[in-house]
Protein backbone atom coordinates (compact mmCIF):
# COMPACT_ATOMS: atom_id res chain seq x y z
CA MET A 1 -26.24 -22.61 21.38
CA GLN A 2 -27.64 -25.77 19.75
CA ALA A 3 -31.00 -24.42 19.31
CA ALA A 4 -29.42 -21.17 17.85
CA VAL A 5 -27.42 -23.38 15.24
CA GLU A 6 -30.53 -25.35 14.37
CA HIS A 7 -32.70 -22.46 13.99
CA CYS A 8 -29.92 -20.88 11.55
CA ARG A 9 -29.60 -23.90 9.66
CA ARG A 10 -33.59 -24.50 9.25
CA THR A 11 -34.49 -20.80 8.64
CA ARG A 12 -31.22 -19.87 6.56
CA ARG A 13 -31.51 -16.47 8.56
CA PRO A 14 -29.19 -14.63 10.71
CA THR A 15 -29.17 -15.83 14.29
CA PHE A 16 -27.93 -13.61 17.51
CA LEU A 17 -26.59 -14.77 20.65
CA HIS A 18 -26.47 -12.36 23.61
CA LEU A 19 -23.90 -13.94 25.82
CA ARG A 20 -22.82 -12.80 29.46
CA THR A 21 -18.92 -13.10 29.81
CA THR A 22 -16.60 -13.00 32.72
CA ARG A 23 -13.80 -10.56 32.71
CA ILE A 24 -11.29 -11.52 35.43
CA MET A 25 -8.24 -9.30 36.45
CA GLY A 26 -7.27 -6.08 34.82
CA HIS A 27 -6.51 -4.80 31.22
CA ALA A 28 -2.78 -4.52 31.96
CA GLY A 29 -0.46 -4.78 35.05
CA THR A 30 -1.23 -1.06 35.78
CA ASP A 31 -4.80 -1.47 35.86
CA PHE A 32 -5.52 -2.22 39.54
CA GLU A 33 -9.15 -3.11 39.76
CA ILE A 34 -9.69 -2.29 43.09
CA GLU A 35 -9.60 1.31 42.13
CA TRP A 36 -12.54 1.05 40.30
CA ARG A 37 -14.53 -2.18 41.46
CA SER A 38 -15.64 -2.85 44.90
CA ILE A 39 -14.38 -5.85 46.81
CA GLU A 40 -17.67 -7.44 46.59
CA GLU A 41 -17.94 -7.27 42.85
CA LEU A 42 -14.59 -8.69 42.62
CA CYS A 43 -15.44 -11.50 44.77
CA ALA A 44 -18.62 -12.19 42.85
CA VAL A 45 -16.66 -12.08 39.47
CA GLU A 46 -13.90 -14.60 40.68
CA ALA A 47 -16.96 -16.82 41.74
CA THR A 48 -17.94 -17.31 38.03
CA ASP A 49 -14.36 -17.93 36.88
CA PRO A 50 -14.77 -20.31 33.85
CA LEU A 51 -12.14 -22.38 35.09
CA LEU A 52 -13.82 -23.22 38.18
CA ARG A 53 -17.02 -23.87 36.26
CA SER A 54 -15.21 -26.10 34.01
CA ALA A 55 -13.66 -27.98 36.89
CA ALA A 56 -17.35 -28.32 38.27
CA ILE A 57 -18.70 -30.04 34.98
CA ALA A 58 -15.75 -32.15 34.76
CA LEU A 59 -16.70 -33.26 38.40
CA GLU A 60 -20.43 -33.56 38.08
CA SER A 61 -19.98 -35.63 34.83
CA GLY A 62 -17.68 -38.11 36.06
CA LEU A 63 -15.06 -37.26 33.73
CA MET A 64 -12.31 -36.52 36.30
CA SER A 65 -11.90 -36.93 39.92
CA ALA A 66 -10.82 -34.09 42.23
CA ASP A 67 -7.45 -35.32 42.53
CA GLU A 68 -7.10 -35.55 38.85
CA LEU A 69 -8.10 -32.13 38.47
CA LEU A 70 -5.69 -30.77 40.98
CA ALA A 71 -2.97 -32.71 39.38
CA LEU A 72 -3.70 -31.25 35.84
CA TYR A 73 -3.87 -27.86 37.34
CA GLU A 74 -0.33 -28.19 39.01
CA THR A 75 1.19 -29.63 35.97
CA THR A 76 -0.35 -26.87 33.85
CA ARG A 77 1.15 -24.36 36.41
CA LYS A 78 4.56 -26.15 36.09
CA ARG A 79 4.62 -25.90 32.32
CA CYS A 80 3.75 -22.19 32.17
CA PHE A 81 6.55 -21.25 34.82
CA THR A 82 8.88 -23.37 32.98
CA ALA A 83 8.14 -21.56 29.61
CA ALA A 84 8.31 -18.36 31.46
CA GLU A 85 11.94 -19.11 32.79
CA ASP A 86 12.89 -20.38 29.49
CA ALA A 87 11.90 -17.04 27.88
CA ASP A 88 13.64 -14.94 30.61
CA ARG A 89 16.96 -16.70 29.62
CA ARG A 90 16.71 -16.02 26.04
CA PRO A 91 19.16 -13.48 24.60
CA ARG A 92 17.87 -9.86 24.79
CA LEU A 93 17.79 -7.36 21.73
CA ALA A 94 21.02 -5.66 21.93
CA SER A 95 21.29 -3.49 18.74
CA LEU A 96 18.95 -1.51 16.24
CA ALA A 97 19.74 -3.86 13.58
CA GLU A 98 18.37 -6.93 15.71
CA VAL A 99 15.19 -4.83 16.22
CA VAL A 100 14.44 -4.02 12.65
CA ALA A 101 15.73 -7.26 11.00
CA PRO A 102 12.55 -8.79 11.07
CA LEU A 103 10.49 -5.90 9.80
CA ALA A 104 12.37 -5.32 6.63
CA PRO A 105 14.24 -8.11 5.11
CA TYR A 106 15.54 -7.48 1.54
CA THR A 107 17.35 -9.95 -0.60
CA PRO A 108 17.83 -7.97 -3.87
CA ALA A 109 18.97 -10.75 -5.93
CA ALA A 110 16.36 -13.10 -4.98
CA VAL A 111 13.59 -10.60 -5.57
CA ALA A 112 14.88 -9.61 -8.94
CA LYS A 113 15.13 -13.20 -10.01
CA GLU A 114 11.69 -13.97 -8.79
CA ALA A 115 10.10 -10.60 -10.29
CA ALA A 116 11.69 -11.37 -13.68
CA ARG A 117 10.42 -15.02 -13.54
CA PRO A 118 7.61 -15.14 -16.26
CA ALA A 119 3.94 -16.68 -15.42
CA PRO A 120 3.74 -20.11 -16.80
CA GLU A 121 2.53 -19.96 -20.44
CA ALA A 122 -0.58 -22.38 -20.04
CA ALA A 123 -1.90 -20.46 -17.39
CA ARG A 124 -1.07 -17.00 -18.76
CA LEU A 125 -3.13 -18.06 -21.84
CA ALA A 126 -5.89 -19.29 -19.86
CA ALA A 127 -6.24 -16.05 -17.82
CA PHE A 128 -6.25 -13.87 -21.12
CA GLY A 129 -8.34 -16.17 -23.07
CA GLY A 130 -5.80 -17.13 -25.98
CA ALA A 131 -2.52 -15.97 -27.47
CA GLU A 132 -4.33 -13.34 -29.75
CA LYS A 133 -5.59 -11.42 -26.49
CA LEU A 134 -2.09 -11.18 -24.76
CA PRO A 135 -1.80 -7.68 -23.29
CA GLU A 136 1.70 -6.85 -25.14
CA LYS A 137 -0.22 -7.59 -28.38
CA GLN A 138 -2.84 -5.01 -27.52
CA ALA A 139 -2.73 -1.23 -28.71
CA PRO A 140 -1.39 1.25 -25.83
CA ARG A 141 -4.16 1.56 -23.13
CA HIS A 142 -4.76 3.60 -19.93
CA LEU A 143 -3.74 3.11 -16.33
CA ALA A 144 -6.89 1.01 -15.21
CA ILE A 145 -6.49 -1.51 -18.06
CA GLN A 146 -3.00 -1.91 -17.63
CA ILE A 147 -3.31 -2.62 -13.80
CA ASN A 148 -6.19 -4.89 -14.71
CA LYS A 149 -4.04 -6.93 -17.31
CA ALA A 150 -1.04 -6.93 -14.60
CA LEU A 151 -3.42 -8.52 -11.92
CA HIS A 152 -4.62 -11.21 -14.52
CA GLU A 153 -0.86 -11.95 -15.00
CA LEU A 154 0.03 -12.02 -11.41
CA MET A 155 -2.81 -14.23 -10.50
CA ALA A 156 -1.76 -16.66 -13.21
CA LYS A 157 1.80 -16.70 -12.10
CA TYR A 158 1.01 -17.25 -8.20
CA PRO A 159 -1.91 -19.74 -7.99
CA GLU A 160 -1.95 -19.17 -4.28
CA THR A 161 -2.82 -15.62 -4.62
CA LEU A 162 -6.18 -14.56 -3.65
CA LEU A 163 -7.84 -11.06 -4.18
CA PHE A 164 -10.53 -9.79 -2.26
CA GLY A 165 -11.99 -6.33 -1.46
CA GLU A 166 -15.02 -4.20 -1.90
CA ASP A 167 -17.12 -5.07 -5.25
CA VAL A 168 -13.99 -6.53 -6.62
CA ALA A 169 -15.44 -9.62 -7.82
CA GLN A 170 -18.67 -9.62 -10.29
CA LYS A 171 -18.78 -6.10 -10.73
CA GLY A 172 -15.17 -5.76 -11.48
CA GLY A 173 -14.51 -2.84 -8.83
CA VAL A 174 -16.14 0.45 -9.03
CA TYR A 175 -13.41 1.40 -11.71
CA THR A 176 -13.41 -1.94 -13.22
CA VAL A 177 -9.79 -2.27 -12.35
CA THR A 178 -10.79 -6.08 -11.44
CA LYS A 179 -12.81 -6.54 -14.29
CA GLY A 180 -12.87 -10.35 -15.54
CA LEU A 181 -10.74 -11.81 -12.67
CA GLN A 182 -13.46 -13.70 -11.06
CA LYS A 183 -14.42 -15.17 -14.40
CA ALA A 184 -10.82 -16.05 -15.05
CA PHE A 185 -9.97 -17.46 -11.67
CA LYS A 186 -13.23 -18.26 -10.16
CA GLY A 187 -14.78 -17.26 -6.74
CA ALA A 188 -12.59 -19.26 -4.55
CA ARG A 189 -9.69 -16.91 -5.48
CA VAL A 190 -11.47 -13.61 -6.23
CA PHE A 191 -14.48 -12.65 -3.91
CA ASN A 192 -16.14 -9.63 -2.30
CA THR A 193 -15.85 -8.55 1.17
CA LEU A 194 -18.14 -6.61 3.34
CA LEU A 195 -17.98 -2.83 2.67
CA ASP A 196 -15.78 -2.17 5.69
CA GLU A 197 -12.10 -1.23 4.98
CA THR A 198 -11.40 -1.63 8.69
CA MET A 199 -12.56 -5.40 8.56
CA ILE A 200 -10.56 -5.91 5.10
CA LEU A 201 -7.20 -4.86 6.68
CA GLY A 202 -7.87 -6.27 10.18
CA SER A 203 -6.77 -2.68 11.51
CA PRO A 204 -8.07 -1.81 14.97
CA GLY A 205 -5.75 1.14 15.11
CA ALA A 206 -3.02 2.83 12.95
CA THR A 207 -1.34 -0.25 12.02
CA PRO A 208 -2.97 -3.38 11.00
CA THR A 209 -2.39 -6.30 13.53
CA TRP A 210 -0.86 -8.66 11.08
CA ALA A 211 1.90 -6.16 10.23
CA CYS A 212 2.93 -5.88 14.00
CA CYS A 213 3.13 -9.56 14.46
CA ARG A 214 6.11 -9.68 12.11
CA CYS A 215 7.90 -7.52 14.62
CA ARG A 216 6.98 -9.35 17.56
CA ARG A 217 7.61 -12.99 16.46
CA SER A 218 10.70 -12.28 14.09
CA SER A 219 11.21 -14.68 11.28
CA THR A 220 8.70 -17.12 12.31
CA TRP A 221 5.83 -15.03 10.95
CA ARG A 222 5.76 -13.95 7.53
CA THR A 223 2.99 -11.31 6.30
CA SER A 224 3.47 -11.65 2.43
CA THR A 225 0.73 -9.31 1.54
CA THR A 226 0.40 -6.94 -1.67
CA LEU A 227 -2.24 -4.31 -1.09
CA ALA A 228 -3.57 -2.27 -4.03
CA THR A 229 -5.58 0.78 -2.96
CA ARG A 230 -7.06 3.90 -4.52
CA SER A 231 -5.44 6.97 -3.41
CA ALA A 232 -5.38 10.76 -3.92
CA ALA A 233 -8.24 12.93 -4.28
CA ARG A 234 -10.68 12.55 -7.02
CA ARG A 235 -10.64 14.89 -9.72
CA PRO A 236 -13.14 16.57 -10.11
CA ALA A 237 -16.26 14.53 -9.11
CA CYS A 238 -16.76 12.32 -6.09
CA SER A 239 -19.19 10.62 -4.08
CA SER A 240 -18.15 11.44 -0.53
CA SER A 241 -15.74 13.51 1.63
CA ALA A 242 -14.48 10.12 2.87
CA THR A 243 -13.63 8.48 -0.27
CA THR A 244 -12.02 11.65 -1.63
CA SER A 245 -9.38 11.87 1.19
CA THR A 246 -5.77 12.28 0.10
CA ALA A 247 -4.45 10.41 3.22
CA ILE A 248 -1.52 9.03 1.35
CA ARG A 249 0.91 9.39 4.43
CA CYS A 250 -1.04 6.81 6.33
CA TRP A 251 0.24 4.14 3.86
CA CYS A 252 3.82 5.30 4.53
CA ALA A 253 3.73 5.12 8.46
CA SER A 254 4.00 1.36 9.24
CA PRO A 255 7.50 0.15 9.69
CA GLY A 256 8.51 -2.39 7.03
CA TRP A 257 6.12 -1.87 4.59
CA VAL A 258 7.13 -0.95 1.08
CA THR A 259 4.82 1.93 -0.57
CA SER A 260 4.74 2.69 -4.23
CA ALA A 261 2.76 5.24 -5.97
CA VAL A 262 2.01 4.94 -9.74
CA SER A 263 1.46 7.80 -12.03
CA ALA A 264 0.82 5.93 -15.37
CA ALA A 265 2.08 3.15 -17.50
CA THR A 266 5.21 4.89 -18.15
CA SER A 267 8.87 4.08 -19.03
CA THR A 268 11.66 3.17 -16.58
CA THR A 269 14.24 4.11 -19.04
CA THR A 270 15.61 7.37 -18.44
CA THR A 271 15.22 9.48 -21.61
CA ARG A 272 17.88 11.65 -22.70
CA SER A 273 16.07 14.41 -24.59
CA PRO A 274 15.21 17.54 -22.70
CA ARG A 275 11.96 17.81 -24.88
CA CYS A 276 10.38 15.13 -22.85
CA ALA A 277 9.61 17.84 -20.17
CA THR A 278 7.35 19.39 -22.72
CA SER A 279 6.62 16.64 -25.31
CA PRO A 280 6.45 13.16 -24.12
CA ALA A 281 5.48 12.41 -27.88
CA SER A 282 9.17 12.46 -28.44
CA TRP A 283 9.67 9.18 -26.44
CA SER A 284 10.72 6.20 -28.78
CA ALA A 285 8.21 3.20 -28.87
CA ALA A 286 10.83 1.18 -27.22
CA ARG A 287 10.83 3.43 -24.20
CA ARG A 288 7.27 3.86 -23.91
CA ALA A 289 6.79 0.38 -22.10
CA ALA A 290 4.50 0.12 -19.44
CA THR A 291 5.83 0.12 -16.04
CA THR A 292 2.38 -0.98 -14.16
CA ARG A 293 3.27 -4.66 -14.79
CA ARG A 294 7.04 -4.20 -13.91
CA ARG A 295 6.08 -2.43 -10.70
CA CYS A 296 3.50 -5.14 -9.60
CA CYS A 297 5.90 -7.81 -10.45
CA ALA A 298 8.51 -6.15 -8.16
CA LEU A 299 6.03 -5.89 -5.26
CA ALA A 300 4.67 -9.23 -5.57
CA ALA A 301 8.17 -10.70 -5.71
CA LEU A 302 9.03 -8.69 -2.65
CA ALA A 303 6.00 -10.19 -0.77
CA LYS A 304 6.69 -13.66 -2.08
CA VAL A 305 10.64 -13.77 -1.55
CA ASP A 306 10.94 -11.66 1.81
CA GLY A 307 7.45 -11.72 3.19
CA ARG A 308 6.95 -8.02 3.03
CA VAL A 309 3.71 -6.13 2.97
CA ALA A 310 3.87 -4.08 -0.16
CA VAL A 311 1.29 -1.26 -0.96
CA PHE A 312 0.57 -0.14 -4.58
CA LEU A 313 -1.25 3.14 -4.61
CA GLU A 314 -3.46 3.83 -7.51
CA PRO A 315 -4.33 7.56 -8.16
CA ILE A 316 -7.99 7.62 -8.96
CA ALA A 317 -7.99 10.65 -11.34
CA LEU A 318 -5.39 8.80 -13.58
CA TYR A 319 -7.32 5.36 -14.17
CA MET A 320 -9.02 6.71 -17.33
CA THR A 321 -6.45 9.35 -18.40
CA LYS A 322 -5.47 9.07 -21.91
CA ASP A 323 -4.11 12.42 -22.85
CA LEU A 324 -1.69 14.70 -21.35
CA HIS A 325 -1.34 18.26 -22.86
CA GLU A 326 -4.47 18.29 -25.34
CA ALA A 327 -7.82 16.27 -25.78
CA GLY A 328 -7.03 13.58 -28.23
CA ASP A 329 -3.50 13.66 -28.02
CA GLY A 330 -3.16 10.19 -26.54
CA GLN A 331 0.11 10.89 -24.81
CA TRP A 332 -0.85 9.20 -21.55
CA LEU A 333 -1.45 5.49 -23.21
CA PHE A 334 1.40 2.99 -22.99
CA PRO A 335 1.72 -0.42 -24.59
CA TYR A 336 2.12 -3.52 -22.42
CA PRO A 337 5.73 -4.80 -21.80
CA GLU A 338 6.82 -8.34 -22.58
CA GLN A 339 7.40 -10.88 -19.98
CA GLY A 340 10.53 -10.94 -17.78
CA GLN A 341 10.82 -7.26 -17.06
CA ALA A 342 10.55 -6.01 -13.57
CA MET A 343 11.52 -2.72 -11.52
CA VAL A 344 14.00 -2.38 -9.08
CA LEU A 345 12.97 -1.29 -5.77
CA GLY A 346 13.66 2.45 -5.41
CA GLU A 347 14.12 3.00 -9.12
CA GLY A 348 12.81 6.47 -10.10
CA ARG A 349 11.87 7.97 -13.43
CA VAL A 350 13.41 11.05 -14.85
CA TYR A 351 11.83 13.33 -17.63
CA ALA A 352 14.51 15.55 -19.27
CA PRO A 353 17.47 14.58 -17.24
CA ASP A 354 19.76 17.31 -18.86
CA ALA A 355 17.40 20.01 -17.92
CA ASP A 356 18.46 22.05 -14.58
CA ASP A 357 16.88 25.49 -14.47
CA LEU A 358 14.15 23.80 -12.43
CA VAL A 359 13.84 20.14 -11.09
CA VAL A 360 10.51 19.10 -9.83
CA PHE A 361 10.05 16.00 -7.39
CA THR A 362 6.59 14.46 -7.54
CA TYR A 363 4.68 11.14 -7.79
CA GLY A 364 1.31 9.98 -8.55
CA ASN A 365 -1.09 12.66 -9.93
CA GLY A 366 1.83 15.13 -9.62
CA VAL A 367 3.54 13.74 -12.51
CA PRO A 368 1.43 14.60 -15.37
CA MET A 369 0.57 17.79 -13.55
CA SER A 370 4.05 18.85 -13.25
CA LEU A 371 4.93 17.84 -17.26
CA ARG A 372 1.98 19.98 -18.17
CA ALA A 373 3.30 22.89 -16.03
CA ALA A 374 6.70 22.36 -16.94
CA ARG A 375 5.72 23.04 -20.93
CA ARG A 376 4.34 26.28 -19.56
CA ILE A 377 7.31 27.41 -17.55
CA ALA A 378 9.41 26.59 -20.52
CA ALA A 379 7.14 28.87 -22.72
CA GLU A 380 6.84 31.58 -20.29
CA ARG A 381 10.43 31.85 -18.76
CA GLY A 382 12.52 29.75 -21.20
CA TRP A 383 13.65 27.38 -18.48
CA LYS A 384 14.39 23.76 -19.15
CA VAL A 385 12.47 21.81 -16.58
CA ARG A 386 13.31 18.47 -15.31
CA VAL A 387 10.47 16.21 -13.72
CA VAL A 388 11.35 13.31 -11.42
CA ASP A 389 8.86 10.81 -10.43
CA LEU A 390 9.96 9.04 -7.37
CA ARG A 391 7.63 6.27 -7.61
CA TRP A 392 8.62 4.69 -4.24
CA LEU A 393 7.42 6.59 -1.19
CA VAL A 394 8.77 3.99 1.23
CA PRO A 395 11.49 3.51 1.33
CA LEU A 396 12.52 6.93 -0.25
CA ASN A 397 15.51 6.48 -2.34
CA ASP A 398 17.67 9.34 -0.70
CA ALA A 399 20.53 8.70 -2.98
CA PHE A 400 18.64 8.99 -6.09
CA ILE A 401 16.89 12.27 -4.63
CA VAL A 402 20.23 13.73 -3.82
CA GLU A 403 21.68 12.94 -7.06
CA GLN A 404 18.80 14.60 -9.12
CA ALA A 405 19.09 17.57 -6.60
CA ARG A 406 22.79 17.91 -7.19
CA SER A 407 22.66 19.71 -10.51
CA ALA A 408 19.37 21.58 -10.05
CA LYS A 409 19.46 25.65 -9.99
CA ARG A 410 15.88 25.52 -8.39
CA ILE A 411 13.82 22.86 -6.78
CA LEU A 412 10.11 22.18 -6.44
CA VAL A 413 8.60 19.53 -4.51
CA VAL A 414 5.03 18.62 -5.59
CA ASP A 415 2.93 16.72 -3.02
CA GLU A 416 -0.66 16.22 -3.35
CA GLY A 417 -0.84 14.71 0.07
CA ARG A 418 -1.43 16.91 2.99
CA ARG A 419 0.88 19.90 4.09
CA SER A 420 1.63 18.13 7.67
CA ALA A 421 3.56 14.76 7.64
CA GLY A 422 3.54 14.57 3.73
CA VAL A 423 5.78 12.75 1.63
CA GLY A 424 7.38 16.09 0.57
CA GLU A 425 8.90 16.51 4.03
CA GLY A 426 10.93 13.49 3.55
CA VAL A 427 12.15 14.77 0.04
CA ILE A 428 13.09 17.99 1.27
CA THR A 429 14.96 16.40 4.36
CA ALA A 430 17.00 14.04 1.82
CA ILE A 431 17.99 17.19 -0.14
CA ALA A 432 19.17 19.11 2.83
CA GLU A 433 21.04 16.43 4.40
CA GLY A 434 22.66 15.86 1.21
CA GLY A 435 23.77 19.27 1.36
CA HIS A 436 21.75 20.90 -1.44
CA GLY A 437 19.31 22.70 0.73
CA ALA A 438 20.67 26.24 0.19
CA ARG A 439 19.45 26.64 -3.19
CA PRO A 440 16.17 28.00 -4.06
CA PHE A 441 13.45 25.64 -3.32
CA GLY A 442 9.51 25.52 -2.81
CA ARG A 443 6.65 23.28 -1.96
CA VAL A 444 3.45 22.59 -3.76
CA VAL A 445 1.37 20.72 -1.24
CA GLY A 446 -2.37 19.92 -0.27
CA ALA A 447 -3.96 21.54 2.48
CA ASP A 448 -4.39 19.83 5.98
CA THR A 449 -8.07 19.13 5.71
CA TYR A 450 -10.42 16.43 3.89
CA THR A 451 -11.25 16.93 0.39
CA PRO A 452 -14.51 18.54 -0.36
CA LEU A 453 -17.00 17.63 -3.27
CA ALA A 454 -17.09 18.62 -6.68
CA GLY A 455 -15.23 21.74 -7.71
CA ALA A 456 -14.35 22.73 -4.11
CA ALA A 457 -11.81 19.85 -4.16
CA PHE A 458 -9.60 22.06 -6.39
CA LEU A 459 -9.29 24.62 -3.34
CA VAL A 460 -7.71 21.82 -1.20
CA ILE A 461 -5.23 20.03 -3.83
CA PRO A 462 -2.61 21.39 -5.97
CA GLY A 463 -2.97 21.91 -9.48
CA GLU A 464 -0.92 23.16 -12.61
CA ASP A 465 -1.46 26.69 -11.65
CA ASP A 466 0.12 26.35 -8.30
CA ILE A 467 3.22 24.73 -9.85
CA VAL A 468 3.55 27.70 -12.30
CA ALA A 469 3.19 30.21 -9.54
CA ALA A 470 5.55 28.32 -7.41
CA ALA A 471 8.38 28.47 -10.17
CA ALA A 472 7.58 32.15 -10.70
CA ALA A 473 8.28 32.70 -7.11
CA LEU A 474 11.55 31.07 -7.56
CA ALA A 475 12.56 33.25 -10.41
CA GLY A 476 13.90 35.87 -8.29
């Protein structure tokens, strides 16, 4: 080992060690080694017990005598049994509430207060490079830039925050979402990892280990983490079938996590005009405040105050989107809000709340798709169409969903995820359990497959035509 360290320091090259290790005893209580190992092999392994070798080294070096070694061994044995007996006397979990309490603590008032707390002015000015460069003073921008500005603000607000991932540092991310962050906050806070998603998340299985620890260690273990990740299939070009996968549901399957899907830097204010389903240009300037920052603030506050794991899903296709209906209309560009604004957990967005001929529940990419489809449906059928942006996928706001379904004559659920185990299933369940499942409803959803490259992707993921066709199927 010393030679390896010296070689690495001298040559500045990787050094590999091939070490033989000893495995004693089975994998678990039901793993009886005698069933797959011979007695002779087990005896040979026992003879290489590292504990015995350590004792031999202590004796040979004169560090300890035989009596001292035995005394240490017995003292350690007693400590272990005492600890086990103490654990056995502790109260058992007796209710579901006690089981889930460590997973999902939520103190709304404290979270809201923290989310609304502005970043220190000096730190904010330094992050953005001066008062004239503050994001709220800039022209309306697209989603990627709004997320970038929100990240600058959060890093300024929380000096303990680290940002790391694949190519997020000097390069600024594949889509420039993290551009300028390393320059503003230096390499100790913003740095690249290996190109290995499993390593980044520490995820040996379906759920990262650090998320499981909270359940097992109760309030003694905090997993304050905000995870931003690209989601939904790329449209239309892509580099590999792995990165185009629309595996949204995997971010919704870990207990205790909070998962939000952004569609754009859109307003949280419920706009009363039914024209919004077909003409977002009718929104007033005051209502077109960006919520990217507001949602980032809410998720960061949730992680900070309650130690939660918060996931922010960013649809790749909407990063650079500027237009909604026609090229150049600029209807998917939004200004950045002033400080002190934050979104409430579970708060959705309703376009044309007075429309009731058809209500479309969706999120992420589905929001602009549904708005475009709504204009076509209105022109073809004369229907008033309401589009509901869920925003929060875990936990789903069942009460909000039921309230929106209550006045609907027809219901569509647009889910770009896969058909099986998708977010849309939870929406339909909430509607049915709320007593509104009898009215005509349909689902527009992706296929149970990986997303292929280029134009073939549109064979897998839903589009505007699918939404219009589904609405037509409900006409009868």
